[in-house]
Amino acid sequence: MDVAKRITQLRTEKNITVNRLANLSGLSQGFVRQIELDNQNPTVTSLSLICKALDISLSDFFMEKEPPDRQKLIEKLLQNITCLTNDELTALINITDSMKKNS
């Protein structure tokens, strides 16, 4: 995970400036800026302060976005293939077969 990008992403999603994040976290603006520029690695303590300022937990910080619901994706795929011709279905089977071989 790119910590610098994650902090920037969360900060911008919450419409917080670097200066505001620094004030809320009790860290210097320069330090926060250096973290976001990936010139400085935050300590666990400073990352905890940043998370608190962003109103999230450390575990939320490291949580990846949930993948789309697999069942919904399969249902959508089934809906899409019902109108395909036999030749198109054969091509799709060939594509998915090659994807299985590559994984």
PDB file of N, CA and C in Angstrom:
ATOM      1  N   MET A   1       0.841  -1.183   0.000  1.00  0.00           N
ATOM      2  CA  MET A   1       0.000   0.000   0.000  1.00  0.00           C
ATOM      3  C   MET A   1       0.880   1.239   0.000  1.00  0.00           C
ATOM      4  N   ASP A   2       0.480   2.218  -0.784  1.00  0.00           N
ATOM      5  CA  ASP A   2       1.188   3.490  -0.839  1.00  0.00           C
ATOM      6  C   ASP A   2       0.571   4.412   0.217  1.00  0.00           C
ATOM      7  N   VAL A   3       1.256   4.536   1.343  1.00  0.00           N
ATOM      8  CA  VAL A   3       0.754   5.312   2.481  1.00  0.00           C
ATOM      9  C   VAL A   3       0.546   6.766   2.097  1.00  0.00           C
ATOM     10  N   ALA A   4       1.480   7.333   1.369  1.00  0.00           N
ATOM     11  CA  ALA A   4       1.380   8.743   0.971  1.00  0.00           C
ATOM     12  C   ALA A   4       0.126   8.984   0.144  1.00  0.00           C
ATOM     13  N   LYS A   5      -0.111   8.133  -0.837  1.00  0.00           N
ATOM     14  CA  LYS A   5      -1.288   8.291  -1.683  1.00  0.00           C
ATOM     15  C   LYS A   5      -2.575   8.080  -0.891  1.00  0.00           C
ATOM     16  N   ARG A   6      -2.544   7.144   0.037  1.00  0.00           N
ATOM     17  CA  ARG A   6      -3.736   6.854   0.835  1.00  0.00           C
ATOM     18  C   ARG A   6      -4.105   8.050   1.723  1.00  0.00           C
ATOM     19  N   ILE A   7      -3.093   8.659   2.329  1.00  0.00           N
ATOM     20  CA  ILE A   7      -3.358   9.843   3.155  1.00  0.00           C
ATOM     21  C   ILE A   7      -3.933  10.966   2.302  1.00  0.00           C
ATOM     22  N   THR A   8      -3.313  11.201   1.163  1.00  0.00           N
ATOM     23  CA  THR A   8      -3.787  12.256   0.255  1.00  0.00           C
ATOM     24  C   THR A   8      -5.209  11.974  -0.200  1.00  0.00           C
ATOM     25  N   GLN A   9      -5.492  10.721  -0.546  1.00  0.00           N
ATOM     26  CA  GLN A   9      -6.823  10.336  -0.995  1.00  0.00           C
ATOM     27  C   GLN A   9      -7.861  10.600   0.095  1.00  0.00           C
ATOM     28  N   LEU A  10      -7.584  10.133   1.290  1.00  0.00           N
ATOM     29  CA  LEU A  10      -8.533  10.317   2.386  1.00  0.00           C
ATOM     30  C   LEU A  10      -8.713  11.794   2.727  1.00  0.00           C
ATOM     31  N   ARG A  11      -7.618  12.531   2.712  1.00  0.00           N
ATOM     32  CA  ARG A  11      -7.684  13.959   3.034  1.00  0.00           C
ATOM     33  C   ARG A  11      -8.532  14.701   2.013  1.00  0.00           C
ATOM     34  N   THR A  12      -8.314  14.416   0.728  1.00  0.00           N
ATOM     35  CA  THR A  12      -9.068  15.120  -0.313  1.00  0.00           C
ATOM     36  C   THR A  12     -10.535  14.687  -0.331  1.00  0.00           C
ATOM     37  N   GLU A  13     -10.798  13.402  -0.031  1.00  0.00           N
ATOM     38  CA  GLU A  13     -12.188  12.945   0.049  1.00  0.00           C
ATOM     39  C   GLU A  13     -12.962  13.687   1.129  1.00  0.00           C
ATOM     40  N   LYS A  14     -12.257  14.077   2.188  1.00  0.00           N
ATOM     41  CA  LYS A  14     -12.895  14.774   3.299  1.00  0.00           C
ATOM     42  C   LYS A  14     -12.769  16.297   3.167  1.00  0.00           C
ATOM     43  N   ASN A  15     -12.232  16.745   2.028  1.00  0.00           N
ATOM     44  CA  ASN A  15     -12.072  18.177   1.761  1.00  0.00           C
ATOM     45  C   ASN A  15     -11.289  18.885   2.865  1.00  0.00           C
ATOM     46  N   ILE A  16     -10.190  18.268   3.257  1.00  0.00           N
ATOM     47  CA  ILE A  16      -9.325  18.840   4.282  1.00  0.00           C
ATOM     48  C   ILE A  16      -8.014  19.253   3.618  1.00  0.00           C
ATOM     49  N   THR A  17      -7.567  20.442   3.897  1.00  0.00           N
ATOM     50  CA  THR A  17      -6.287  20.900   3.358  1.00  0.00           C
ATOM     51  C   THR A  17      -5.142  20.275   4.160  1.00  0.00           C
ATOM     52  N   VAL A  18      -3.950  20.348   3.601  1.00  0.00           N
ATOM     53  CA  VAL A  18      -2.773  19.858   4.320  1.00  0.00           C
ATOM     54  C   VAL A  18      -2.621  20.628   5.629  1.00  0.00           C
ATOM     55  N   ASN A  19      -2.811  21.929   5.561  1.00  0.00           N
ATOM     56  CA  ASN A  19      -2.685  22.762   6.751  1.00  0.00           C
ATOM     57  C   ASN A  19      -3.700  22.356   7.828  1.00  0.00           C
ATOM     58  N   ARG A  20      -4.931  22.105   7.415  1.00  0.00           N
ATOM     59  CA  ARG A  20      -5.973  21.693   8.369  1.00  0.00           C
ATOM     60  C   ARG A  20      -5.647  20.328   8.970  1.00  0.00           C
ATOM     61  N   LEU A  21      -5.176  19.393   8.127  1.00  0.00           N
ATOM     62  CA  LEU A  21      -4.809  18.073   8.628  1.00  0.00           C
ATOM     63  C   LEU A  21      -3.670  18.178   9.633  1.00  0.00           C
ATOM     64  N   ALA A  22      -2.712  19.033   9.335  1.00  0.00           N
ATOM     65  CA  ALA A  22      -1.602  19.250  10.267  1.00  0.00           C
ATOM     66  C   ALA A  22      -2.122  19.789  11.596  1.00  0.00           C
ATOM     67  N   ASN A  23      -2.999  20.780  11.534  1.00  0.00           N
ATOM     68  CA  ASN A  23      -3.560  21.353  12.766  1.00  0.00           C
ATOM     69  C   ASN A  23      -4.358  20.327  13.551  1.00  0.00           C
ATOM     70  N   LEU A  24      -5.190  19.548  12.861  1.00  0.00           N
ATOM     71  CA  LEU A  24      -6.016  18.551  13.536  1.00  0.00           C
ATOM     72  C   LEU A  24      -5.190  17.429  14.160  1.00  0.00           C
ATOM     73  N   SER A  25      -4.085  17.095  13.512  1.00  0.00           N
ATOM     74  CA  SER A  25      -3.257  15.981  13.986  1.00  0.00           C
ATOM     75  C   SER A  25      -2.190  16.413  14.986  1.00  0.00           C
ATOM     76  N   GLY A  26      -1.926  17.724  15.044  1.00  0.00           N
ATOM     77  CA  GLY A  26      -0.870  18.213  15.920  1.00  0.00           C
ATOM     78  C   GLY A  26       0.517  18.049  15.330  1.00  0.00           C
ATOM     79  N   LEU A  27       0.576  17.728  14.047  1.00  0.00           N
ATOM     80  CA  LEU A  27       1.855  17.587  13.348  1.00  0.00           C
ATOM     81  C   LEU A  27       2.133  18.863  12.564  1.00  0.00           C
ATOM     82  N   SER A  28       3.373  19.070  12.198  1.00  0.00           N
ATOM     83  CA  SER A  28       3.688  20.272  11.427  1.00  0.00           C
ATOM     84  C   SER A  28       3.208  20.116   9.988  1.00  0.00           C
ATOM     85  N   GLN A  29       2.863  21.246   9.393  1.00  0.00           N
ATOM     86  CA  GLN A  29       2.404  21.243   8.006  1.00  0.00           C
ATOM     87  C   GLN A  29       3.490  20.692   7.092  1.00  0.00           C
ATOM     88  N   GLY A  30       4.732  21.064   7.352  1.00  0.00           N
ATOM     89  CA  GLY A  30       5.851  20.575   6.534  1.00  0.00           C
ATOM     90  C   GLY A  30       6.003  19.069   6.616  1.00  0.00           C
ATOM     91  N   PHE A  31       5.827  18.522   7.820  1.00  0.00           N
ATOM     92  CA  PHE A  31       5.944  17.076   8.006  1.00  0.00           C
ATOM     93  C   PHE A  31       4.839  16.350   7.250  1.00  0.00           C
ATOM     94  N   VAL A  32       3.608  16.837   7.367  1.00  0.00           N
ATOM     95  CA  VAL A  32       2.482  16.218   6.658  1.00  0.00           C
ATOM     96  C   VAL A  32       2.710  16.311   5.155  1.00  0.00           C
ATOM     97  N   ARG A  33       3.182  17.452   4.699  1.00  0.00           N
ATOM     98  CA  ARG A  33       3.455  17.627   3.265  1.00  0.00           C
ATOM     99  C   ARG A  33       4.533  16.644   2.798  1.00  0.00           C
ATOM    100  N   GLN A  34       5.575  16.479   3.597  1.00  0.00           N
ATOM    101  CA  GLN A  34       6.654  15.544   3.240  1.00  0.00           C
ATOM    102  C   GLN A  34       6.141  14.102   3.191  1.00  0.00           C
ATOM    103  N   ILE A  35       5.216  13.754   4.080  1.00  0.00           N
ATOM    104  CA  ILE A  35       4.621  12.418   4.059  1.00  0.00           C
ATOM    105  C   ILE A  35       3.830  12.235   2.770  1.00  0.00           C
ATOM    106  N   GLU A  36       2.999  13.219   2.430  1.00  0.00           N
ATOM    107  CA  GLU A  36       2.180  13.111   1.223  1.00  0.00           C
ATOM    108  C   GLU A  36       3.018  13.101  -0.050  1.00  0.00           C
ATOM    109  N   LEU A  37       4.156  13.767  -0.008  1.00  0.00           N
ATOM    110  CA  LEU A  37       5.052  13.753  -1.172  1.00  0.00           C
ATOM    111  C   LEU A  37       5.903  12.492  -1.220  1.00  0.00           C
ATOM    112  N   ASP A  38       5.728  11.632  -0.218  1.00  0.00           N
ATOM    113  CA  ASP A  38       6.463  10.371  -0.090  1.00  0.00           C
ATOM    114  C   ASP A  38       7.959  10.603   0.124  1.00  0.00           C
ATOM    115  N   ASN A  39       8.281  11.735   0.746  1.00  0.00           N
ATOM    116  CA  ASN A  39       9.669  12.040   1.095  1.00  0.00           C
ATOM    117  C   ASN A  39       9.977  11.655   2.540  1.00  0.00           C
ATOM    118  N   GLN A  40       8.928  11.346   3.296  1.00  0.00           N
ATOM    119  CA  GLN A  40       9.069  11.021   4.716  1.00  0.00           C
ATOM    120  C   GLN A  40       8.078   9.910   5.038  1.00  0.00           C
ATOM    121  N   ASN A  41       8.534   8.905   5.768  1.00  0.00           N
ATOM    122  CA  ASN A  41       7.636   7.841   6.210  1.00  0.00           C
ATOM    123  C   ASN A  41       7.100   8.184   7.589  1.00  0.00           C
ATOM    124  N   PRO A  42       5.781   8.098   7.770  1.00  0.00           N
ATOM    125  CA  PRO A  42       5.231   8.408   9.089  1.00  0.00           C
ATOM    126  C   PRO A  42       5.518   7.273  10.067  1.00  0.00           C
ATOM    127  N   THR A  43       5.713   7.627  11.305  1.00  0.00           N
ATOM    128  CA  THR A  43       5.821   6.616  12.346  1.00  0.00           C
ATOM    129  C   THR A  43       4.407   6.110  12.635  1.00  0.00           C
ATOM    130  N   VAL A  44       4.307   5.044  13.383  1.00  0.00           N
ATOM    131  CA  VAL A  44       2.992   4.544  13.773  1.00  0.00           C
ATOM    132  C   VAL A  44       2.256   5.611  14.568  1.00  0.00           C
ATOM    133  N   THR A  45       2.977   6.311  15.407  1.00  0.00           N
ATOM    134  CA  THR A  45       2.361   7.365  16.222  1.00  0.00           C
ATOM    135  C   THR A  45       1.823   8.490  15.346  1.00  0.00           C
ATOM    136  N   SER A  46       2.637   8.962  14.405  1.00  0.00           N
ATOM    137  CA  SER A  46       2.168  10.068  13.560  1.00  0.00           C
ATOM    138  C   SER A  46       1.039   9.610  12.640  1.00  0.00           C
ATOM    139  N   LEU A  47       1.086   8.362  12.170  1.00  0.00           N
ATOM    140  CA  LEU A  47       0.001   7.854  11.345  1.00  0.00           C
ATOM    141  C   LEU A  47      -1.285   7.737  12.171  1.00  0.00           C
ATOM    142  N   SER A  48      -1.147   7.355  13.429  1.00  0.00           N
ATOM    143  CA  SER A  48      -2.309   7.299  14.330  1.00  0.00           C
ATOM    144  C   SER A  48      -2.925   8.677  14.508  1.00  0.00           C
ATOM    145  N   LEU A  49      -2.084   9.691  14.657  1.00  0.00           N
ATOM    146  CA  LEU A  49      -2.577  11.064  14.794  1.00  0.00           C
ATOM    147  C   LEU A  49      -3.286  11.527  13.529  1.00  0.00           C
ATOM    148  N   ILE A  50      -2.726  11.167  12.384  1.00  0.00           N
ATOM    149  CA  ILE A  50      -3.338  11.529  11.102  1.00  0.00           C
ATOM    150  C   ILE A  50      -4.692  10.834  10.959  1.00  0.00           C
ATOM    151  N   CYS A  51      -4.739   9.555  11.308  1.00  0.00           N
ATOM    152  CA  CYS A  51      -6.003   8.813  11.224  1.00  0.00           C
ATOM    153  C   CYS A  51      -7.053   9.417  12.138  1.00  0.00           C
ATOM    154  N   LYS A  52      -6.641   9.769  13.343  1.00  0.00           N
ATOM    155  CA  LYS A  52      -7.583  10.391  14.284  1.00  0.00           C
ATOM    156  C   LYS A  52      -8.101  11.708  13.699  1.00  0.00           C
ATOM    157  N   ALA A  53      -7.219  12.480  13.095  1.00  0.00           N
ATOM    158  CA  ALA A  53      -7.617  13.749  12.481  1.00  0.00           C
ATOM    159  C   ALA A  53      -8.572  13.517  11.309  1.00  0.00           C
ATOM    160  N   LEU A  54      -8.405  12.397  10.609  1.00  0.00           N
ATOM    161  CA  LEU A  54      -9.275  12.064   9.486  1.00  0.00           C
ATOM    162  C   LEU A  54     -10.536  11.318   9.941  1.00  0.00           C
ATOM    163  N   ASP A  55     -10.634  11.097  11.249  1.00  0.00           N
ATOM    164  CA  ASP A  55     -11.783  10.418  11.851  1.00  0.00           C
ATOM    165  C   ASP A  55     -11.942   8.989  11.338  1.00  0.00           C
ATOM    166  N   ILE A  56     -10.802   8.280  11.241  1.00  0.00           N
ATOM    167  CA  ILE A  56     -10.815   6.864  10.869  1.00  0.00           C
ATOM    168  C   ILE A  56      -9.863   6.121  11.798  1.00  0.00           C
ATOM    169  N   SER A  57     -10.018   4.821  11.863  1.00  0.00           N
ATOM    170  CA  SER A  57      -9.111   4.002  12.668  1.00  0.00           C
ATOM    171  C   SER A  57      -7.912   3.589  11.813  1.00  0.00           C
ATOM    172  N   LEU A  58      -6.876   3.128  12.468  1.00  0.00           N
ATOM    173  CA  LEU A  58      -5.721   2.613  11.734  1.00  0.00           C
ATOM    174  C   LEU A  58      -6.118   1.434  10.861  1.00  0.00           C
ATOM    175  N   SER A  59      -6.987   0.574  11.376  1.00  0.00           N
ATOM    176  CA  SER A  59      -7.406  -0.573  10.570  1.00  0.00           C
ATOM    177  C   SER A  59      -8.190  -0.122   9.339  1.00  0.00           C
ATOM    178  N   ASP A  60      -9.023   0.926   9.488  1.00  0.00           N
ATOM    179  CA  ASP A  60      -9.728   1.466   8.324  1.00  0.00           C
ATOM    180  C   ASP A  60      -8.750   2.036   7.305  1.00  0.00           C
ATOM    181  N   PHE A  61      -7.677   2.640   7.805  1.00  0.00           N
ATOM    182  CA  PHE A  61      -6.679   3.208   6.908  1.00  0.00           C
ATOM    183  C   PHE A  61      -6.104   2.142   5.988  1.00  0.00           C
ATOM    184  N   PHE A  62      -5.826   0.977   6.547  1.00  0.00           N
ATOM    185  CA  PHE A  62      -5.193  -0.084   5.773  1.00  0.00           C
ATOM    186  C   PHE A  62      -6.194  -1.005   5.083  1.00  0.00           C
ATOM    187  N   MET A  63      -7.467  -0.765   5.298  1.00  0.00           N
ATOM    188  CA  MET A  63      -8.497  -1.596   4.685  1.00  0.00           C
ATOM    189  C   MET A  63      -8.598  -1.274   3.194  1.00  0.00           C
ATOM    190  N   GLU A  64      -8.469  -2.310   2.394  1.00  0.00           N
ATOM    191  CA  GLU A  64      -8.657  -2.134   0.956  1.00  0.00           C
ATOM    192  C   GLU A  64     -10.149  -2.021   0.682  1.00  0.00           C
ATOM    193  N   LYS A  65     -10.474  -1.331  -0.376  1.00  0.00           N
ATOM    194  CA  LYS A  65     -11.886  -1.233  -0.727  1.00  0.00           C
ATOM    195  C   LYS A  65     -12.408  -2.629  -1.032  1.00  0.00           C
ATOM    196  N   GLU A  66     -13.640  -2.866  -0.605  1.00  0.00           N
ATOM    197  CA  GLU A  66     -14.219  -4.183  -0.802  1.00  0.00           C
ATOM    198  C   GLU A  66     -14.406  -4.469  -2.288  1.00  0.00           C
ATOM    199  N   PRO A  67     -14.068  -5.700  -2.699  1.00  0.00           N
ATOM    200  CA  PRO A  67     -14.284  -6.050  -4.105  1.00  0.00           C
ATOM    201  C   PRO A  67     -15.775  -6.115  -4.403  1.00  0.00           C
ATOM    202  N   PRO A  68     -16.138  -5.918  -5.666  1.00  0.00           N
ATOM    203  CA  PRO A  68     -17.558  -6.007  -6.013  1.00  0.00           C
ATOM    204  C   PRO A  68     -18.108  -7.385  -5.624  1.00  0.00           C
ATOM    205  N   ASP A  69     -19.361  -7.429  -5.318  1.00  0.00           N
ATOM    206  CA  ASP A  69     -20.000  -8.679  -4.957  1.00  0.00           C
ATOM    207  C   ASP A  69     -19.915  -9.660  -6.123  1.00  0.00           C
ATOM    208  N   ARG A  70     -19.253 -10.775  -5.901  1.00  0.00           N
ATOM    209  CA  ARG A  70     -19.011 -11.765  -6.956  1.00  0.00           C
ATOM    210  C   ARG A  70     -20.313 -12.276  -7.564  1.00  0.00           C
ATOM    211  N   GLN A  71     -21.306 -12.552  -6.735  1.00  0.00           N
ATOM    212  CA  GLN A  71     -22.578 -13.067  -7.246  1.00  0.00           C
ATOM    213  C   GLN A  71     -23.239 -12.070  -8.193  1.00  0.00           C
ATOM    214  N   LYS A  72     -23.179 -10.792  -7.862  1.00  0.00           N
ATOM    215  CA  LYS A  72     -23.763  -9.772  -8.733  1.00  0.00           C
ATOM    216  C   LYS A  72     -23.029  -9.706 -10.068  1.00  0.00           C
ATOM    217  N   LEU A  73     -21.703  -9.873 -10.025  1.00  0.00           N
ATOM    218  CA  LEU A  73     -20.928  -9.878 -11.262  1.00  0.00           C
ATOM    219  C   LEU A  73     -21.294 -11.067 -12.140  1.00  0.00           C
ATOM    220  N   ILE A  74     -21.470 -12.223 -11.534  1.00  0.00           N
ATOM    221  CA  ILE A  74     -21.840 -13.419 -12.292  1.00  0.00           C
ATOM    222  C   ILE A  74     -23.224 -13.251 -12.901  1.00  0.00           C
ATOM    223  N   GLU A  75     -24.148 -12.708 -12.139  1.00  0.00           N
ATOM    224  CA  GLU A  75     -25.501 -12.474 -12.654  1.00  0.00           C
ATOM    225  C   GLU A  75     -25.480 -11.513 -13.832  1.00  0.00           C
ATOM    226  N   LYS A  76     -24.682 -10.451 -13.722  1.00  0.00           N
ATOM    227  CA  LYS A  76     -24.556  -9.482 -14.821  1.00  0.00           C
ATOM    228  C   LYS A  76     -23.963 -10.143 -16.059  1.00  0.00           C
ATOM    229  N   LEU A  77     -22.957 -10.977 -15.850  1.00  0.00           N
ATOM    230  CA  LEU A  77     -22.344 -11.694 -16.969  1.00  0.00           C
ATOM    231  C   LEU A  77     -23.369 -12.604 -17.647  1.00  0.00           C
ATOM    232  N   LEU A  78     -24.160 -13.322 -16.872  1.00  0.00           N
ATOM    233  CA  LEU A  78     -25.184 -14.203 -17.432  1.00  0.00           C
ATOM    234  C   LEU A  78     -26.216 -13.413 -18.227  1.00  0.00           C
ATOM    235  N   GLN A  79     -26.596 -12.248 -17.720  1.00  0.00           N
ATOM    236  CA  GLN A  79     -27.540 -11.399 -18.450  1.00  0.00           C
ATOM    237  C   GLN A  79     -26.952 -10.982 -19.795  1.00  0.00           C
ATOM    238  N   ASN A  80     -25.670 -10.646 -19.779  1.00  0.00           N
ATOM    239  CA  ASN A  80     -25.030 -10.159 -20.994  1.00  0.00           C
ATOM    240  C   ASN A  80     -24.851 -11.243 -22.048  1.00  0.00           C
ATOM    241  N   ILE A  81     -24.634 -12.480 -21.636  1.00  0.00           N
ATOM    242  CA  ILE A  81     -24.325 -13.513 -22.634  1.00  0.00           C
ATOM    243  C   ILE A  81     -25.575 -14.144 -23.246  1.00  0.00           C
ATOM    244  N   THR A  82     -26.740 -13.888 -22.687  1.00  0.00           N
ATOM    245  CA  THR A  82     -27.950 -14.521 -23.223  1.00  0.00           C
ATOM    246  C   THR A  82     -28.275 -14.075 -24.642  1.00  0.00           C
ATOM    247  N   CYS A  83     -27.820 -12.923 -25.030  1.00  0.00           N
ATOM    248  CA  CYS A  83     -28.133 -12.428 -26.374  1.00  0.00           C
ATOM    249  C   CYS A  83     -27.004 -12.665 -27.381  1.00  0.00           C
ATOM    250  N   LEU A  84     -25.957 -13.363 -26.975  1.00  0.00           N
ATOM    251  CA  LEU A  84     -24.836 -13.614 -27.884  1.00  0.00           C
ATOM    252  C   LEU A  84     -25.149 -14.746 -28.860  1.00  0.00           C
ATOM    253  N   THR A  85     -24.573 -14.637 -30.032  1.00  0.00           N
ATOM    254  CA  THR A  85     -24.702 -15.714 -31.020  1.00  0.00           C
ATOM    255  C   THR A  85     -23.806 -16.880 -30.612  1.00  0.00           C
ATOM    256  N   ASN A  86     -23.976 -18.013 -31.272  1.00  0.00           N
ATOM    257  CA  ASN A  86     -23.133 -19.175 -30.971  1.00  0.00           C
ATOM    258  C   ASN A  86     -21.661 -18.870 -31.225  1.00  0.00           C
ATOM    259  N   ASP A  87     -21.368 -18.159 -32.305  1.00  0.00           N
ATOM    260  CA  ASP A  87     -19.973 -17.797 -32.597  1.00  0.00           C
ATOM    261  C   ASP A  87     -19.401 -16.885 -31.511  1.00  0.00           C
ATOM    262  N   GLU A  88     -20.209 -15.925 -31.035  1.00  0.00           N
ATOM    263  CA  GLU A  88     -19.762 -15.036 -29.969  1.00  0.00           C
ATOM    264  C   GLU A  88     -19.561 -15.795 -28.658  1.00  0.00           C
ATOM    265  N   LEU A  89     -20.461 -16.749 -28.369  1.00  0.00           N
ATOM    266  CA  LEU A  89     -20.302 -17.566 -27.170  1.00  0.00           C
ATOM    267  C   LEU A  89     -19.020 -18.399 -27.240  1.00  0.00           C
ATOM    268  N   THR A  90     -18.735 -18.957 -28.414  1.00  0.00           N
ATOM    269  CA  THR A  90     -17.508 -19.736 -28.601  1.00  0.00           C
ATOM    270  C   THR A  90     -16.288 -18.853 -28.380  1.00  0.00           C
ATOM    271  N   ALA A  91     -16.322 -17.633 -28.907  1.00  0.00           N
ATOM    272  CA  ALA A  91     -15.202 -16.699 -28.720  1.00  0.00           C
ATOM    273  C   ALA A  91     -15.043 -16.356 -27.238  1.00  0.00           C
ATOM    274  N   LEU A  92     -16.148 -16.154 -26.548  1.00  0.00           N
ATOM    275  CA  LEU A  92     -16.100 -15.842 -25.125  1.00  0.00           C
ATOM    276  C   LEU A  92     -15.527 -17.010 -24.323  1.00  0.00           C
ATOM    277  N   ILE A  93     -15.917 -18.211 -24.671  1.00  0.00           N
ATOM    278  CA  ILE A  93     -15.376 -19.400 -24.012  1.00  0.00           C
ATOM    279  C   ILE A  93     -13.874 -19.482 -24.223  1.00  0.00           C
ATOM    280  N   ASN A  94     -13.422 -19.211 -25.439  1.00  0.00           N
ATOM    281  CA  ASN A  94     -11.989 -19.226 -25.734  1.00  0.00           C
ATOM    282  C   ASN A  94     -11.233 -18.186 -24.912  1.00  0.00           C
ATOM    283  N   ILE A  95     -11.838 -17.024 -24.764  1.00  0.00           N
ATOM    284  CA  ILE A  95     -11.214 -15.956 -23.970  1.00  0.00           C
ATOM    285  C   ILE A  95     -11.101 -16.373 -22.516  1.00  0.00           C
ATOM    286  N   THR A  96     -12.213 -16.878 -21.959  1.00  0.00           N
ATOM    287  CA  THR A  96     -12.170 -17.266 -20.535  1.00  0.00           C
ATOM    288  C   THR A  96     -11.262 -18.456 -20.308  1.00  0.00           C
ATOM    289  N   ASP A  97     -11.182 -19.376 -21.272  1.00  0.00           N
ATOM    290  CA  ASP A  97     -10.240 -20.493 -21.160  1.00  0.00           C
ATOM    291  C   ASP A  97      -8.801 -19.982 -21.100  1.00  0.00           C
ATOM    292  N   SER A  98      -8.505 -19.013 -21.950  1.00  0.00           N
ATOM    293  CA  SER A  98      -7.121 -18.484 -21.953  1.00  0.00           C
ATOM    294  C   SER A  98      -6.830 -17.723 -20.670  1.00  0.00           C
ATOM    295  N   MET A  99      -7.837 -17.087 -20.076  1.00  0.00           N
ATOM    296  CA  MET A  99      -7.643 -16.381 -18.800  1.00  0.00           C
ATOM    297  C   MET A  99      -7.357 -17.377 -17.687  1.00  0.00           C
ATOM    298  N   LYS A 100      -8.027 -18.522 -17.690  1.00  0.00           N
ATOM    299  CA  LYS A 100      -7.795 -19.545 -16.670  1.00  0.00           C
ATOM    300  C   LYS A 100      -6.361 -20.100 -16.770  1.00  0.00           C
ATOM    301  N   LYS A 101      -5.881 -20.260 -17.987  1.00  0.00           N
ATOM    302  CA  LYS A 101      -4.533 -20.795 -18.202  1.00  0.00           C
ATOM    303  C   LYS A 101      -3.469 -19.827 -17.705  1.00  0.00           C
ATOM    304  N   ASN A 102      -3.751 -18.517 -17.787  1.00  0.00           N
ATOM    305  CA  ASN A 102      -2.778 -17.501 -17.396  1.00  0.00           C
ATOM    306  C   ASN A 102      -2.779 -17.217 -15.894  1.00  0.00           C
ATOM    307  N   SER A 103      -3.765 -17.735 -15.178  1.00  0.00           N
ATOM    308  CA  SER A 103      -3.809 -17.427 -13.741  1.00  0.00           C
ATOM    309  C   SER A 103      -3.268 -18.557 -12.896  1.00  0.00           C
TER     310      SER A 103
END
